[in-house]
Amino acid sequence: AEVGAIEKRERFKVWQIRNGGSLIRLALDGSPKQYPFGRSAPGHWTVKAWKTNRFQRLYPGHTCDVLMGDGKAARGNMRLATVRQSY
């Protein structure tokens, strides 16, 4: 999925998408173009749960940072509701 599609659906930004140690651009990596989730992830999910249940299901072997509204990376134990409220 294009990063913009993820950000629009989930209402937070993702950054520093990596495959191993290498930064990648998803749109150029043969990744799916559609973000298949019809709704944003529940606010009670943690950042780590979102990465595991959504991002890594779509992009096995990849990881990313979820950004707070100030541009800093959110901690893995932070709730998505808190991340979204920071925007």
Protein backbone atom coordinates (compact mmCIF):
# COMPACT_ATOMS: atom_id res chain seq x y z
CA ALA A 1 0.00 0.00 0.00
CA GLU A 2 1.15 3.49 -0.57
CA VAL A 3 2.24 5.05 2.72
CA GLY A 4 -0.42 7.73 2.20
CA ALA A 5 -3.16 5.08 2.14
CA ILE A 6 -1.97 3.71 5.49
CA GLU A 7 -1.79 7.19 7.00
CA LYS A 8 -5.23 8.18 5.72
CA ARG A 9 -6.92 5.05 7.10
CA GLU A 10 -5.03 4.86 10.42
CA ARG A 11 -4.86 8.62 11.10
CA PHE A 12 -1.18 8.60 12.02
CA LYS A 13 2.05 8.79 10.04
CA VAL A 14 4.54 6.01 9.43
CA TRP A 15 8.20 6.57 8.67
CA GLN A 16 11.56 4.84 8.38
CA ILE A 17 10.19 1.75 6.66
CA ARG A 18 12.92 -0.85 6.72
CA ASN A 19 13.62 -4.30 5.33
CA GLY A 20 16.39 -5.55 7.58
CA GLY A 21 18.61 -2.49 8.00
CA SER A 22 17.80 -0.89 4.64
CA LEU A 23 15.31 1.93 4.24
CA ILE A 24 12.84 1.23 1.46
CA ARG A 25 10.04 2.95 -0.44
CA LEU A 26 7.00 0.70 -0.32
CA ALA A 27 5.53 1.79 -3.64
CA LEU A 28 8.72 0.70 -5.39
CA ASP A 29 9.11 -2.55 -3.49
CA GLY A 30 6.43 -4.65 -5.20
CA SER A 31 4.15 -4.13 -2.21
CA PRO A 32 0.35 -4.26 -2.44
CA LYS A 33 -1.10 -0.97 -3.65
CA GLN A 34 -4.30 -1.20 -1.61
CA TYR A 35 -4.45 -0.99 2.17
CA PRO A 36 -6.91 -3.84 2.74
CA PHE A 37 -8.27 -2.79 6.12
CA GLY A 38 -11.63 -1.04 5.86
CA ARG A 39 -11.41 0.63 9.26
CA SER A 40 -8.63 2.08 11.35
CA ALA A 41 -7.22 -0.20 14.03
CA PRO A 42 -8.91 0.07 17.45
CA GLY A 43 -7.62 2.85 19.68
CA HIS A 44 -6.89 0.42 22.51
CA TRP A 45 -4.32 -1.41 20.36
CA THR A 46 -0.70 -0.58 21.06
CA VAL A 47 1.74 0.56 18.41
CA LYS A 48 3.40 -2.85 18.69
CA ALA A 49 0.06 -4.65 18.13
CA TRP A 50 -0.63 -2.53 15.03
CA LYS A 51 2.80 -3.28 13.60
CA THR A 52 2.36 -7.01 14.25
CA ASN A 53 -1.28 -7.40 13.18
CA ARG A 54 -1.38 -5.05 10.23
CA PHE A 55 1.92 -3.70 8.97
CA GLN A 56 3.95 -6.89 9.22
CA ARG A 57 1.10 -9.00 7.83
CA LEU A 58 1.16 -6.82 4.70
CA TYR A 59 4.94 -6.48 4.55
CA PRO A 60 6.61 -9.57 6.04
CA GLY A 61 10.18 -8.87 7.08
CA HIS A 62 9.61 -5.10 7.17
CA THR A 63 9.25 -2.71 10.06
CA CYS A 64 8.48 1.00 10.47
CA ASP A 65 8.13 3.77 12.99
CA VAL A 66 4.72 5.15 13.94
CA LEU A 67 5.04 8.88 14.44
CA MET A 68 3.52 11.12 17.06
CA GLY A 69 2.15 14.50 15.98
CA ASP A 70 5.49 16.14 16.86
CA GLY A 71 7.35 13.79 14.51
CA LYS A 72 8.95 11.63 17.20
CA ALA A 73 8.59 7.85 17.08
CA ALA A 74 5.88 6.43 19.33
CA ARG A 75 6.86 3.76 21.85
CA GLY A 76 5.64 0.22 21.21
CA ASN A 77 3.48 0.15 24.34
CA MET A 78 1.67 3.40 23.48
CA ARG A 79 -2.04 3.14 22.62
CA LEU A 80 -3.10 4.17 19.12
CA ALA A 81 -5.73 6.50 20.61
CA THR A 82 -2.91 8.45 22.29
CA VAL A 83 -0.93 8.59 19.04
CA ARG A 84 -3.96 9.87 17.10
CA GLN A 85 -4.77 12.50 19.76
CA SER A 86 -1.26 13.92 19.35
CA TYR A 87 -2.13 15.21 15.86
